[in-house]
Amino acid sequence: MAIDAGQLIQGLIKGFPPEKAAGIKAEIQLHLTGEGGGDWVIHIADSKISADPGTAPSPKLTITAGLADILAITEGKLGGTAAFLQGKIKLSGDTGLAMRMVSLFQHS
Protein backbone atom coordinates (compact mmCIF):
# COMPACT_ATOMS: atom_id res chain seq x y z
CA MET A 1 0.00 0.00 0.00
CA ALA A 2 1.42 3.36 -1.02
CA ILE A 3 1.73 6.10 1.59
CA ASP A 4 0.26 9.52 0.78
CA ALA A 5 1.33 12.92 2.11
CA GLY A 6 -1.24 12.89 4.91
CA GLN A 7 -0.04 9.52 6.18
CA LEU A 8 3.58 10.73 6.02
CA ILE A 9 2.72 13.82 8.05
CA GLN A 10 0.87 11.77 10.67
CA GLY A 11 3.92 9.50 10.96
CA LEU A 12 6.21 12.50 11.40
CA ILE A 13 3.97 13.87 14.13
CA LYS A 14 3.78 10.52 15.90
CA GLY A 15 7.57 10.06 15.86
CA PHE A 16 8.39 13.68 16.71
CA PRO A 17 11.11 13.89 19.41
CA PRO A 18 10.17 16.97 21.49
CA GLU A 19 13.51 16.93 23.31
CA LYS A 20 15.32 17.66 20.02
CA ALA A 21 13.05 20.60 19.16
CA ALA A 22 14.04 22.93 22.00
CA GLY A 23 14.25 26.51 20.76
CA ILE A 24 12.63 25.88 17.38
CA LYS A 25 9.65 28.06 16.51
CA ALA A 26 8.77 27.85 12.85
CA GLU A 27 6.24 27.25 10.15
CA ILE A 28 7.62 24.93 7.49
CA GLN A 29 5.99 24.59 4.11
CA LEU A 30 6.27 21.08 2.73
CA HIS A 31 5.49 20.77 -0.99
CA LEU A 32 5.48 17.08 -1.89
CA THR A 33 5.37 16.16 -5.55
CA GLY A 34 4.46 12.92 -7.25
CA GLU A 35 1.67 10.45 -6.63
CA GLY A 36 0.10 10.98 -3.20
CA GLY A 37 1.85 14.32 -2.70
CA GLY A 38 0.42 17.63 -1.60
CA ASP A 39 1.05 20.82 0.34
CA TRP A 40 1.31 20.80 4.12
CA VAL A 41 2.31 23.35 6.74
CA ILE A 42 4.21 21.99 9.74
CA HIS A 43 4.08 24.11 12.88
CA ILE A 44 6.79 23.66 15.52
CA ALA A 45 6.77 25.69 18.76
CA ASP A 46 7.41 24.99 22.43
CA SER A 47 8.75 21.51 21.54
CA LYS A 48 5.37 20.57 20.02
CA ILE A 49 4.36 19.84 16.45
CA SER A 50 1.17 20.09 14.45
CA ALA A 51 0.38 20.18 10.75
CA ASP A 52 -2.35 21.40 8.44
CA PRO A 53 -2.95 20.76 4.75
CA GLY A 54 -2.44 23.81 2.56
CA THR A 55 0.07 26.61 2.24
CA ALA A 56 1.53 29.19 4.62
CA PRO A 57 1.74 32.85 3.59
CA SER A 58 5.32 33.30 4.86
CA PRO A 59 6.95 30.08 6.08
CA LYS A 60 10.40 30.18 7.66
CA LEU A 61 11.42 27.29 5.41
CA THR A 62 9.97 25.74 2.26
CA ILE A 63 10.93 22.20 1.33
CA THR A 64 10.04 20.90 -2.13
CA ALA A 65 10.66 17.23 -2.83
CA GLY A 66 9.14 14.09 -4.21
CA LEU A 67 7.06 12.16 -1.70
CA ALA A 68 9.16 9.03 -2.37
CA ASP A 69 12.39 10.91 -1.57
CA ILE A 70 11.03 12.30 1.71
CA LEU A 71 9.89 8.80 2.68
CA ALA A 72 13.38 7.46 1.91
CA ILE A 73 14.91 10.16 4.14
CA THR A 74 12.56 9.50 7.05
CA GLU A 75 13.23 5.76 6.75
CA GLY A 76 17.00 6.33 6.81
CA LYS A 77 17.44 5.00 3.26
CA LEU A 78 18.57 8.38 1.89
CA GLY A 79 20.57 11.05 3.69
CA GLY A 80 19.04 14.51 3.75
CA THR A 81 22.29 16.18 2.74
CA ALA A 82 22.83 13.70 -0.09
CA ALA A 83 19.28 14.27 -1.32
CA PHE A 84 19.87 18.02 -1.34
CA LEU A 85 23.19 17.70 -3.19
CA GLN A 86 21.58 15.38 -5.75
CA GLY A 87 18.83 17.95 -6.39
CA LYS A 88 16.09 15.71 -4.97
CA ILE A 89 15.20 18.34 -2.36
CA LYS A 90 14.91 22.07 -2.94
CA LEU A 91 15.07 24.48 -0.01
CA SER A 92 14.01 28.07 0.29
CA GLY A 93 14.43 30.11 3.45
CA ASP A 94 16.30 29.15 6.63
CA THR A 95 18.68 26.38 5.56
CA GLY A 96 19.98 26.05 9.14
CA LEU A 97 16.46 25.06 10.12
CA ALA A 98 16.50 22.48 7.33
CA MET A 99 19.56 20.84 8.89
CA ARG A 100 17.73 20.62 12.23
CA MET A 101 14.74 19.05 10.49
CA VAL A 102 16.93 16.15 9.38
CA SER A 103 17.81 15.38 13.02
CA LEU A 104 14.13 15.61 14.00
CA PHE A 105 12.73 13.33 11.33
CA GLN A 106 15.44 11.01 10.00
CA HIS A 107 15.39 7.61 11.67
CA SER A 108 18.41 5.38 11.49
PDB file of N, CA and C in Angstrom:
ATOM      1  N   MET A   1       0.835  -1.179   0.000  1.00  0.00           N
ATOM      2  CA  MET A   1       0.000   0.000   0.000  1.00  0.00           C
ATOM      3  C   MET A   1       0.882   1.247   0.000  1.00  0.00           C
ATOM      4  N   ALA A   2       0.636   2.134  -0.906  1.00  0.00           N
ATOM      5  CA  ALA A   2       1.421   3.363  -1.016  1.00  0.00           C
ATOM      6  C   ALA A   2       1.004   4.352   0.075  1.00  0.00           C
ATOM      7  N   ILE A   3       1.984   5.090   0.563  1.00  0.00           N
ATOM      8  CA  ILE A   3       1.729   6.105   1.587  1.00  0.00           C
ATOM      9  C   ILE A   3       1.511   7.440   0.899  1.00  0.00           C
ATOM     10  N   ASP A   4       0.486   8.179   1.337  1.00  0.00           N
ATOM     11  CA  ASP A   4       0.265   9.516   0.777  1.00  0.00           C
ATOM     12  C   ASP A   4       0.819  10.565   1.740  1.00  0.00           C
ATOM     13  N   ALA A   5       0.755  11.829   1.324  1.00  0.00           N
ATOM     14  CA  ALA A   5       1.330  12.917   2.109  1.00  0.00           C
ATOM     15  C   ALA A   5       0.718  13.003   3.500  1.00  0.00           C
ATOM     16  N   GLY A   6      -0.580  12.833   3.612  1.00  0.00           N
ATOM     17  CA  GLY A   6      -1.243  12.890   4.912  1.00  0.00           C
ATOM     18  C   GLY A   6      -0.742  11.829   5.865  1.00  0.00           C
ATOM     19  N   GLN A   7      -0.547  10.612   5.350  1.00  0.00           N
ATOM     20  CA  GLN A   7      -0.038   9.521   6.185  1.00  0.00           C
ATOM     21  C   GLN A   7       1.407   9.795   6.609  1.00  0.00           C
ATOM     22  N   LEU A   8       2.202  10.362   5.694  1.00  0.00           N
ATOM     23  CA  LEU A   8       3.577  10.726   6.020  1.00  0.00           C
ATOM     24  C   LEU A   8       3.591  11.744   7.154  1.00  0.00           C
ATOM     25  N   ILE A   9       2.774  12.769   7.039  1.00  0.00           N
ATOM     26  CA  ILE A   9       2.719  13.823   8.050  1.00  0.00           C
ATOM     27  C   ILE A   9       2.305  13.235   9.401  1.00  0.00           C
ATOM     28  N   GLN A  10       1.305  12.375   9.409  1.00  0.00           N
ATOM     29  CA  GLN A  10       0.874  11.766  10.668  1.00  0.00           C
ATOM     30  C   GLN A  10       2.006  10.944  11.296  1.00  0.00           C
ATOM     31  N   GLY A  11       2.768  10.255  10.464  1.00  0.00           N
ATOM     32  CA  GLY A  11       3.916   9.496  10.961  1.00  0.00           C
ATOM     33  C   GLY A  11       4.988  10.402  11.542  1.00  0.00           C
ATOM     34  N   LEU A  12       5.222  11.539  10.889  1.00  0.00           N
ATOM     35  CA  LEU A  12       6.209  12.495  11.400  1.00  0.00           C
ATOM     36  C   LEU A  12       5.775  13.042  12.754  1.00  0.00           C
ATOM     37  N   ILE A  13       4.498  13.352  12.869  1.00  0.00           N
ATOM     38  CA  ILE A  13       3.973  13.875  14.134  1.00  0.00           C
ATOM     39  C   ILE A  13       4.096  12.825  15.236  1.00  0.00           C
ATOM     40  N   LYS A  14       3.732  11.604  14.909  1.00  0.00           N
ATOM     41  CA  LYS A  14       3.779  10.519  15.896  1.00  0.00           C
ATOM     42  C   LYS A  14       5.206  10.265  16.394  1.00  0.00           C
ATOM     43  N   GLY A  15       6.179  10.327  15.491  1.00  0.00           N
ATOM     44  CA  GLY A  15       7.570  10.055  15.856  1.00  0.00           C
ATOM     45  C   GLY A  15       8.368  11.278  16.262  1.00  0.00           C
ATOM     46  N   PHE A  16       7.710  12.424  16.400  1.00  0.00           N
ATOM     47  CA  PHE A  16       8.393  13.681  16.715  1.00  0.00           C
ATOM     48  C   PHE A  16       9.073  13.613  18.082  1.00  0.00           C
ATOM     49  N   PRO A  17      10.393  13.903  18.134  1.00  0.00           N
ATOM     50  CA  PRO A  17      11.112  13.886  19.408  1.00  0.00           C
ATOM     51  C   PRO A  17      11.144  15.288  20.034  1.00  0.00           C
ATOM     52  N   PRO A  18      10.251  15.605  20.954  1.00  0.00           N
ATOM     53  CA  PRO A  18      10.174  16.968  21.490  1.00  0.00           C
ATOM     54  C   PRO A  18      11.482  17.446  22.123  1.00  0.00           C
ATOM     55  N   GLU A  19      12.253  16.535  22.680  1.00  0.00           N
ATOM     56  CA  GLU A  19      13.512  16.934  23.313  1.00  0.00           C
ATOM     57  C   GLU A  19      14.527  17.493  22.324  1.00  0.00           C
ATOM     58  N   LYS A  20      14.406  17.151  21.045  1.00  0.00           N
ATOM     59  CA  LYS A  20      15.323  17.660  20.023  1.00  0.00           C
ATOM     60  C   LYS A  20      14.838  18.973  19.408  1.00  0.00           C
ATOM     61  N   ALA A  21      13.640  19.412  19.776  1.00  0.00           N
ATOM     62  CA  ALA A  21      13.053  20.598  19.157  1.00  0.00           C
ATOM     63  C   ALA A  21      13.150  21.850  20.025  1.00  0.00           C
ATOM     64  N   ALA A  22      13.917  21.778  21.108  1.00  0.00           N
ATOM     65  CA  ALA A  22      14.042  22.933  22.004  1.00  0.00           C
ATOM     66  C   ALA A  22      14.535  24.157  21.226  1.00  0.00           C
ATOM     67  N   GLY A  23      13.839  25.258  21.392  1.00  0.00           N
ATOM     68  CA  GLY A  23      14.248  26.510  20.761  1.00  0.00           C
ATOM     69  C   GLY A  23      13.768  26.706  19.338  1.00  0.00           C
ATOM     70  N   ILE A  24      13.121  25.727  18.754  1.00  0.00           N
ATOM     71  CA  ILE A  24      12.626  25.877  17.383  1.00  0.00           C
ATOM     72  C   ILE A  24      11.203  26.433  17.428  1.00  0.00           C
ATOM     73  N   LYS A  25      10.996  27.516  16.708  1.00  0.00           N
ATOM     74  CA  LYS A  25       9.655  28.057  16.514  1.00  0.00           C
ATOM     75  C   LYS A  25       9.571  28.421  15.034  1.00  0.00           C
ATOM     76  N   ALA A  26       8.788  27.646  14.297  1.00  0.00           N
ATOM     77  CA  ALA A  26       8.770  27.848  12.847  1.00  0.00           C
ATOM     78  C   ALA A  26       7.543  27.255  12.193  1.00  0.00           C
ATOM     79  N   GLU A  27       7.192  27.850  11.077  1.00  0.00           N
ATOM     80  CA  GLU A  27       6.238  27.251  10.145  1.00  0.00           C
ATOM     81  C   GLU A  27       7.057  26.779   8.956  1.00  0.00           C
ATOM     82  N   ILE A  28       6.872  25.521   8.594  1.00  0.00           N
ATOM     83  CA  ILE A  28       7.617  24.933   7.492  1.00  0.00           C
ATOM     84  C   ILE A  28       6.623  24.484   6.436  1.00  0.00           C
ATOM     85  N   GLN A  29       6.833  24.983   5.230  1.00  0.00           N
ATOM     86  CA  GLN A  29       5.989  24.592   4.107  1.00  0.00           C
ATOM     87  C   GLN A  29       6.595  23.359   3.465  1.00  0.00           C
ATOM     88  N   LEU A  30       5.815  22.312   3.367  1.00  0.00           N
ATOM     89  CA  LEU A  30       6.266  21.082   2.729  1.00  0.00           C
ATOM     90  C   LEU A  30       5.461  20.905   1.449  1.00  0.00           C
ATOM     91  N   HIS A  31       6.138  20.965   0.317  1.00  0.00           N
ATOM     92  CA  HIS A  31       5.493  20.770  -0.990  1.00  0.00           C
ATOM     93  C   HIS A  31       5.997  19.438  -1.525  1.00  0.00           C
ATOM     94  N   LEU A  32       5.119  18.433  -1.477  1.00  0.00           N
ATOM     95  CA  LEU A  32       5.481  17.082  -1.893  1.00  0.00           C
ATOM     96  C   LEU A  32       4.908  16.805  -3.272  1.00  0.00           C
ATOM     97  N   THR A  33       5.779  16.423  -4.178  1.00  0.00           N
ATOM     98  CA  THR A  33       5.372  16.165  -5.553  1.00  0.00           C
ATOM     99  C   THR A  33       5.217  14.667  -5.781  1.00  0.00           C
ATOM    100  N   GLY A  34       4.633  14.325  -6.893  1.00  0.00           N
ATOM    101  CA  GLY A  34       4.456  12.923  -7.249  1.00  0.00           C
ATOM    102  C   GLY A  34       3.143  12.370  -6.726  1.00  0.00           C
ATOM    103  N   GLU A  35       2.902  11.114  -7.033  1.00  0.00           N
ATOM    104  CA  GLU A  35       1.666  10.454  -6.628  1.00  0.00           C
ATOM    105  C   GLU A  35       1.511  10.477  -5.115  1.00  0.00           C
ATOM    106  N   GLY A  36       0.366  10.924  -4.633  1.00  0.00           N
ATOM    107  CA  GLY A  36       0.097  10.983  -3.201  1.00  0.00           C
ATOM    108  C   GLY A  36       0.642  12.213  -2.511  1.00  0.00           C
ATOM    109  N   GLY A  37       1.254  13.112  -3.277  1.00  0.00           N
ATOM    110  CA  GLY A  37       1.853  14.321  -2.697  1.00  0.00           C
ATOM    111  C   GLY A  37       0.814  15.354  -2.308  1.00  0.00           C
ATOM    112  N   GLY A  38       1.302  16.540  -1.980  1.00  0.00           N
ATOM    113  CA  GLY A  38       0.421  17.631  -1.603  1.00  0.00           C
ATOM    114  C   GLY A  38       1.178  18.682  -0.816  1.00  0.00           C
ATOM    115  N   ASP A  39       0.466  19.723  -0.432  1.00  0.00           N
ATOM    116  CA  ASP A  39       1.048  20.817   0.342  1.00  0.00           C
ATOM    117  C   ASP A  39       0.604  20.735   1.790  1.00  0.00           C
ATOM    118  N   TRP A  40       1.565  20.854   2.686  1.00  0.00           N
ATOM    119  CA  TRP A  40       1.307  20.803   4.122  1.00  0.00           C
ATOM    120  C   TRP A  40       2.130  21.869   4.821  1.00  0.00           C
ATOM    121  N   VAL A  41       1.586  22.408   5.902  1.00  0.00           N
ATOM    122  CA  VAL A  41       2.312  23.347   6.743  1.00  0.00           C
ATOM    123  C   VAL A  41       2.557  22.658   8.080  1.00  0.00           C
ATOM    124  N   ILE A  42       3.829  22.571   8.454  1.00  0.00           N
ATOM    125  CA  ILE A  42       4.213  21.991   9.736  1.00  0.00           C
ATOM    126  C   ILE A  42       4.505  23.140  10.687  1.00  0.00           C
ATOM    127  N   HIS A  43       3.894  23.086  11.856  1.00  0.00           N
ATOM    128  CA  HIS A  43       4.079  24.112  12.878  1.00  0.00           C
ATOM    129  C   HIS A  43       4.872  23.495  14.030  1.00  0.00           C
ATOM    130  N   ILE A  44       5.998  24.119  14.378  1.00  0.00           N
ATOM    131  CA  ILE A  44       6.788  23.660  15.518  1.00  0.00           C
ATOM    132  C   ILE A  44       6.972  24.844  16.462  1.00  0.00           C
ATOM    133  N   ALA A  45       6.588  24.666  17.718  1.00  0.00           N
ATOM    134  CA  ALA A  45       6.769  25.687  18.757  1.00  0.00           C
ATOM    135  C   ALA A  45       6.668  25.026  20.123  1.00  0.00           C
ATOM    136  N   ASP A  46       7.452  25.516  21.060  1.00  0.00           N
ATOM    137  CA  ASP A  46       7.411  24.994  22.428  1.00  0.00           C
ATOM    138  C   ASP A  46       7.579  23.479  22.472  1.00  0.00           C
ATOM    139  N   SER A  47       8.463  22.953  21.625  1.00  0.00           N
ATOM    140  CA  SER A  47       8.748  21.515  21.545  1.00  0.00           C
ATOM    141  C   SER A  47       7.523  20.678  21.192  1.00  0.00           C
ATOM    142  N   LYS A  48       6.569  21.286  20.480  1.00  0.00           N
ATOM    143  CA  LYS A  48       5.374  20.574  20.020  1.00  0.00           C
ATOM    144  C   LYS A  48       5.257  20.745  18.510  1.00  0.00           C
ATOM    145  N   ILE A  49       4.536  19.819  17.898  1.00  0.00           N
ATOM    146  CA  ILE A  49       4.364  19.838  16.448  1.00  0.00           C
ATOM    147  C   ILE A  49       2.895  19.650  16.098  1.00  0.00           C
ATOM    148  N   SER A  50       2.490  20.313  15.039  1.00  0.00           N
ATOM    149  CA  SER A  50       1.173  20.089  14.447  1.00  0.00           C
ATOM    150  C   SER A  50       1.320  20.353  12.957  1.00  0.00           C
ATOM    151  N   ALA A  51       0.318  19.980  12.195  1.00  0.00           N
ATOM    152  CA  ALA A  51       0.376  20.180  10.748  1.00  0.00           C
ATOM    153  C   ALA A  51      -1.024  20.368  10.198  1.00  0.00           C
ATOM    154  N   ASP A  52      -1.091  21.146   9.132  1.00  0.00           N
ATOM    155  CA  ASP A  52      -2.349  21.397   8.437  1.00  0.00           C
ATOM    156  C   ASP A  52      -2.113  21.283   6.939  1.00  0.00           C
ATOM    157  N   PRO A  53      -3.080  20.745   6.204  1.00  0.00           N
ATOM    158  CA  PRO A  53      -2.946  20.757   4.750  1.00  0.00           C
ATOM    159  C   PRO A  53      -3.056  22.195   4.254  1.00  0.00           C
ATOM    160  N   GLY A  54      -2.357  22.485   3.157  1.00  0.00           N
ATOM    161  CA  GLY A  54      -2.444  23.810   2.560  1.00  0.00           C
ATOM    162  C   GLY A  54      -1.097  24.504   2.514  1.00  0.00           C
ATOM    163  N   THR A  55      -1.155  25.819   2.370  1.00  0.00           N
ATOM    164  CA  THR A  55       0.065  26.605   2.242  1.00  0.00           C
ATOM    165  C   THR A  55       0.102  27.707   3.298  1.00  0.00           C
ATOM    166  N   ALA A  56       1.315  28.114   3.662  1.00  0.00           N
ATOM    167  CA  ALA A  56       1.532  29.193   4.624  1.00  0.00           C
ATOM    168  C   ALA A  56       1.907  30.456   3.856  1.00  0.00           C
ATOM    169  N   PRO A  57       1.419  31.616   4.296  1.00  0.00           N
ATOM    170  CA  PRO A  57       1.739  32.849   3.585  1.00  0.00           C
ATOM    171  C   PRO A  57       3.224  33.221   3.642  1.00  0.00           C
ATOM    172  N   SER A  58       3.891  32.964   4.763  1.00  0.00           N
ATOM    173  CA  SER A  58       5.317  33.301   4.859  1.00  0.00           C
ATOM    174  C   SER A  58       6.045  32.310   5.776  1.00  0.00           C
ATOM    175  N   PRO A  59       6.261  31.093   5.270  1.00  0.00           N
ATOM    176  CA  PRO A  59       6.947  30.080   6.081  1.00  0.00           C
ATOM    177  C   PRO A  59       8.414  30.450   6.286  1.00  0.00           C
ATOM    178  N   LYS A  60       8.976  29.960   7.375  1.00  0.00           N
ATOM    179  CA  LYS A  60      10.400  30.184   7.656  1.00  0.00           C
ATOM    180  C   LYS A  60      11.267  29.339   6.719  1.00  0.00           C
ATOM    181  N   LEU A  61      10.709  28.208   6.294  1.00  0.00           N
ATOM    182  CA  LEU A  61      11.417  27.289   5.414  1.00  0.00           C
ATOM    183  C   LEU A  61      10.417  26.618   4.487  1.00  0.00           C
ATOM    184  N   THR A  62      10.776  26.504   3.223  1.00  0.00           N
ATOM    185  CA  THR A  62       9.972  25.742   2.264  1.00  0.00           C
ATOM    186  C   THR A  62      10.821  24.594   1.744  1.00  0.00           C
ATOM    187  N   ILE A  63      10.264  23.396   1.819  1.00  0.00           N
ATOM    188  CA  ILE A  63      10.933  22.196   1.330  1.00  0.00           C
ATOM    189  C   ILE A  63      10.095  21.634   0.190  1.00  0.00           C
ATOM    190  N   THR A  64      10.706  21.482  -0.969  1.00  0.00           N
ATOM    191  CA  THR A  64      10.036  20.904  -2.126  1.00  0.00           C
ATOM    192  C   THR A  64      10.776  19.618  -2.480  1.00  0.00           C
ATOM    193  N   ALA A  65      10.038  18.522  -2.535  1.00  0.00           N
ATOM    194  CA  ALA A  65      10.659  17.231  -2.832  1.00  0.00           C
ATOM    195  C   ALA A  65       9.596  16.238  -3.254  1.00  0.00           C
ATOM    196  N   GLY A  66      10.034  15.186  -3.887  1.00  0.00           N
ATOM    197  CA  GLY A  66       9.143  14.089  -4.213  1.00  0.00           C
ATOM    198  C   GLY A  66       8.762  13.343  -2.943  1.00  0.00           C
ATOM    199  N   LEU A  67       7.533  12.912  -2.867  1.00  0.00           N
ATOM    200  CA  LEU A  67       7.065  12.161  -1.704  1.00  0.00           C
ATOM    201  C   LEU A  67       7.956  10.946  -1.458  1.00  0.00           C
ATOM    202  N   ALA A  68       8.323  10.234  -2.512  1.00  0.00           N
ATOM    203  CA  ALA A  68       9.157   9.030  -2.366  1.00  0.00           C
ATOM    204  C   ALA A  68      10.520   9.368  -1.761  1.00  0.00           C
ATOM    205  N   ASP A  69      11.084  10.521  -2.121  1.00  0.00           N
ATOM    206  CA  ASP A  69      12.386  10.911  -1.571  1.00  0.00           C
ATOM    207  C   ASP A  69      12.281  11.265  -0.094  1.00  0.00           C
ATOM    208  N   ILE A  70      11.223  11.966   0.293  1.00  0.00           N
ATOM    209  CA  ILE A  70      11.028  12.298   1.709  1.00  0.00           C
ATOM    210  C   ILE A  70      10.822  11.020   2.524  1.00  0.00           C
ATOM    211  N   LEU A  71      10.064  10.083   1.983  1.00  0.00           N
ATOM    212  CA  LEU A  71       9.888   8.797   2.675  1.00  0.00           C
ATOM    213  C   LEU A  71      11.232   8.099   2.864  1.00  0.00           C
ATOM    214  N   ALA A  72      12.062   8.106   1.826  1.00  0.00           N
ATOM    215  CA  ALA A  72      13.377   7.464   1.914  1.00  0.00           C
ATOM    216  C   ALA A  72      14.240   8.132   2.983  1.00  0.00           C
ATOM    217  N   ILE A  73      14.147   9.438   3.110  1.00  0.00           N
ATOM    218  CA  ILE A  73      14.906  10.157   4.138  1.00  0.00           C
ATOM    219  C   ILE A  73      14.412   9.779   5.521  1.00  0.00           C
ATOM    220  N   THR A  74      13.092   9.805   5.721  1.00  0.00           N
ATOM    221  CA  THR A  74      12.558   9.501   7.053  1.00  0.00           C
ATOM    222  C   THR A  74      12.811   8.052   7.452  1.00  0.00           C
ATOM    223  N   GLU A  75      12.951   7.167   6.468  1.00  0.00           N
ATOM    224  CA  GLU A  75      13.230   5.759   6.754  1.00  0.00           C
ATOM    225  C   GLU A  75      14.725   5.471   6.890  1.00  0.00           C
ATOM    226  N   GLY A  76      15.559   6.510   6.700  1.00  0.00           N
ATOM    227  CA  GLY A  76      17.000   6.326   6.813  1.00  0.00           C
ATOM    228  C   GLY A  76      17.645   5.686   5.603  1.00  0.00           C
ATOM    229  N   LYS A  77      16.908   5.613   4.483  1.00  0.00           N
ATOM    230  CA  LYS A  77      17.440   5.001   3.265  1.00  0.00           C
ATOM    231  C   LYS A  77      18.160   6.017   2.385  1.00  0.00           C
ATOM    232  N   LEU A  78      17.954   7.305   2.653  1.00  0.00           N
ATOM    233  CA  LEU A  78      18.572   8.381   1.886  1.00  0.00           C
ATOM    234  C   LEU A  78      18.921   9.492   2.857  1.00  0.00           C
ATOM    235  N   GLY A  79      20.155   9.958   2.813  1.00  0.00           N
ATOM    236  CA  GLY A  79      20.566  11.051   3.688  1.00  0.00           C
ATOM    237  C   GLY A  79      19.999  12.378   3.197  1.00  0.00           C
ATOM    238  N   GLY A  80      19.586  13.216   4.117  1.00  0.00           N
ATOM    239  CA  GLY A  80      19.035  14.515   3.750  1.00  0.00           C
ATOM    240  C   GLY A  80      20.022  15.378   2.984  1.00  0.00           C
ATOM    241  N   THR A  81      21.279  15.388   3.421  1.00  0.00           N
ATOM    242  CA  THR A  81      22.293  16.182   2.735  1.00  0.00           C
ATOM    243  C   THR A  81      22.540  15.627   1.336  1.00  0.00           C
ATOM    244  N   ALA A  82      22.623  14.322   1.223  1.00  0.00           N
ATOM    245  CA  ALA A  82      22.834  13.700  -0.089  1.00  0.00           C
ATOM    246  C   ALA A  82      21.673  14.015  -1.022  1.00  0.00           C
ATOM    247  N   ALA A  83      20.456  13.963  -0.505  1.00  0.00           N
ATOM    248  CA  ALA A  83      19.281  14.269  -1.322  1.00  0.00           C
ATOM    249  C   ALA A  83      19.328  15.706  -1.817  1.00  0.00           C
ATOM    250  N   PHE A  84      19.749  16.613  -0.953  1.00  0.00           N
ATOM    251  CA  PHE A  84      19.867  18.018  -1.343  1.00  0.00           C
ATOM    252  C   PHE A  84      20.931  18.178  -2.434  1.00  0.00           C
ATOM    253  N   LEU A  85      22.099  17.577  -2.223  1.00  0.00           N
ATOM    254  CA  LEU A  85      23.192  17.698  -3.189  1.00  0.00           C
ATOM    255  C   LEU A  85      22.852  17.056  -4.533  1.00  0.00           C
ATOM    256  N   GLN A  86      21.997  16.042  -4.517  1.00  0.00           N
ATOM    257  CA  GLN A  86      21.576  15.376  -5.751  1.00  0.00           C
ATOM    258  C   GLN A  86      20.411  16.101  -6.426  1.00  0.00           C
ATOM    259  N   GLY A  87      19.934  17.185  -5.815  1.00  0.00           N
ATOM    260  CA  GLY A  87      18.826  17.945  -6.393  1.00  0.00           C
ATOM    261  C   GLY A  87      17.460  17.318  -6.153  1.00  0.00           C
ATOM    262  N   LYS A  88      17.371  16.356  -5.251  1.00  0.00           N
ATOM    263  CA  LYS A  88      16.094  15.706  -4.967  1.00  0.00           C
ATOM    264  C   LYS A  88      15.246  16.530  -4.010  1.00  0.00           C
ATOM    265  N   ILE A  89      15.888  17.448  -3.281  1.00  0.00           N
ATOM    266  CA  ILE A  89      15.198  18.342  -2.362  1.00  0.00           C
ATOM    267  C   ILE A  89      15.605  19.764  -2.701  1.00  0.00           C
ATOM    268  N   LYS A  90      14.635  20.646  -2.741  1.00  0.00           N
ATOM    269  CA  LYS A  90      14.911  22.066  -2.940  1.00  0.00           C
ATOM    270  C   LYS A  90      14.483  22.804  -1.686  1.00  0.00           C
ATOM    271  N   LEU A  91      15.331  23.716  -1.222  1.00  0.00           N
ATOM    272  CA  LEU A  91      15.071  24.481  -0.011  1.00  0.00           C
ATOM    273  C   LEU A  91      14.989  25.957  -0.316  1.00  0.00           C
ATOM    274  N   SER A  92      14.119  26.630   0.393  1.00  0.00           N
ATOM    275  CA  SER A  92      14.008  28.073   0.294  1.00  0.00           C
ATOM    276  C   SER A  92      13.774  28.603   1.703  1.00  0.00           C
ATOM    277  N   GLY A  93      14.591  29.554   2.116  1.00  0.00           N
ATOM    278  CA  GLY A  93      14.435  30.110   3.455  1.00  0.00           C
ATOM    279  C   GLY A  93      15.593  29.727   4.346  1.00  0.00           C
ATOM    280  N   ASP A  94      15.309  29.419   5.595  1.00  0.00           N
ATOM    281  CA  ASP A  94      16.301  29.152   6.627  1.00  0.00           C
ATOM    282  C   ASP A  94      16.904  27.758   6.462  1.00  0.00           C
ATOM    283  N   THR A  95      18.065  27.684   5.800  1.00  0.00           N
ATOM    284  CA  THR A  95      18.684  26.376   5.558  1.00  0.00           C
ATOM    285  C   THR A  95      19.226  25.762   6.846  1.00  0.00           C
ATOM    286  N   GLY A  96      19.564  26.585   7.841  1.00  0.00           N
ATOM    287  CA  GLY A  96      19.981  26.053   9.139  1.00  0.00           C
ATOM    288  C   GLY A  96      18.850  25.258   9.781  1.00  0.00           C
ATOM    289  N   LEU A  97      17.630  25.767   9.622  1.00  0.00           N
ATOM    290  CA  LEU A  97      16.457  25.059  10.122  1.00  0.00           C
ATOM    291  C   LEU A  97      16.296  23.729   9.391  1.00  0.00           C
ATOM    292  N   ALA A  98      16.591  23.723   8.107  1.00  0.00           N
ATOM    293  CA  ALA A  98      16.498  22.478   7.330  1.00  0.00           C
ATOM    294  C   ALA A  98      17.424  21.412   7.899  1.00  0.00           C
ATOM    295  N   MET A  99      18.615  21.809   8.307  1.00  0.00           N
ATOM    296  CA  MET A  99      19.556  20.843   8.887  1.00  0.00           C
ATOM    297  C   MET A  99      19.005  20.280  10.200  1.00  0.00           C
ATOM    298  N   ARG A 100      18.331  21.110  10.974  1.00  0.00           N
ATOM    299  CA  ARG A 100      17.731  20.620  12.228  1.00  0.00           C
ATOM    300  C   ARG A 100      16.564  19.678  11.934  1.00  0.00           C
ATOM    301  N   MET A 101      15.871  19.914  10.840  1.00  0.00           N
ATOM    302  CA  MET A 101      14.738  19.046  10.489  1.00  0.00           C
ATOM    303  C   MET A 101      15.215  17.621  10.237  1.00  0.00           C
ATOM    304  N   VAL A 102      16.391  17.488   9.638  1.00  0.00           N
ATOM    305  CA  VAL A 102      16.927  16.149   9.378  1.00  0.00           C
ATOM    306  C   VAL A 102      17.075  15.398  10.703  1.00  0.00           C
ATOM    307  N   SER A 103      17.617  16.065  11.730  1.00  0.00           N
ATOM    308  CA  SER A 103      17.807  15.384  13.016  1.00  0.00           C
ATOM    309  C   SER A 103      16.477  15.076  13.705  1.00  0.00           C
ATOM    310  N   LEU A 104      15.437  15.850  13.386  1.00  0.00           N
ATOM    311  CA  LEU A 104      14.130  15.614  13.997  1.00  0.00           C
ATOM    312  C   LEU A 104      13.402  14.444  13.354  1.00  0.00           C
ATOM    313  N   PHE A 105      13.578  14.269  12.042  1.00  0.00           N
ATOM    314  CA  PHE A 105      12.733  13.326  11.334  1.00  0.00           C
ATOM    315  C   PHE A 105      13.425  12.144  10.690  1.00  0.00           C
ATOM    316  N   GLN A 106      14.749  12.144  10.627  1.00  0.00           N
ATOM    317  CA  GLN A 106      15.438  11.010  10.001  1.00  0.00           C
ATOM    318  C   GLN A 106      15.675   9.932  11.048  1.00  0.00           C
ATOM    319  N   HIS A 107      15.217   8.752  10.768  1.00  0.00           N
ATOM    320  CA  HIS A 107      15.395   7.611  11.671  1.00  0.00           C
ATOM    321  C   HIS A 107      16.465   6.705  11.102  1.00  0.00           C
ATOM    322  N   SER A 108      17.357   6.296  11.976  1.00  0.00           N
ATOM    323  CA  SER A 108      18.407   5.381  11.487  1.00  0.00           C
ATOM    324  C   SER A 108      18.461   4.122  12.300  1.00  0.00           C
TER     325      SER A 108
END
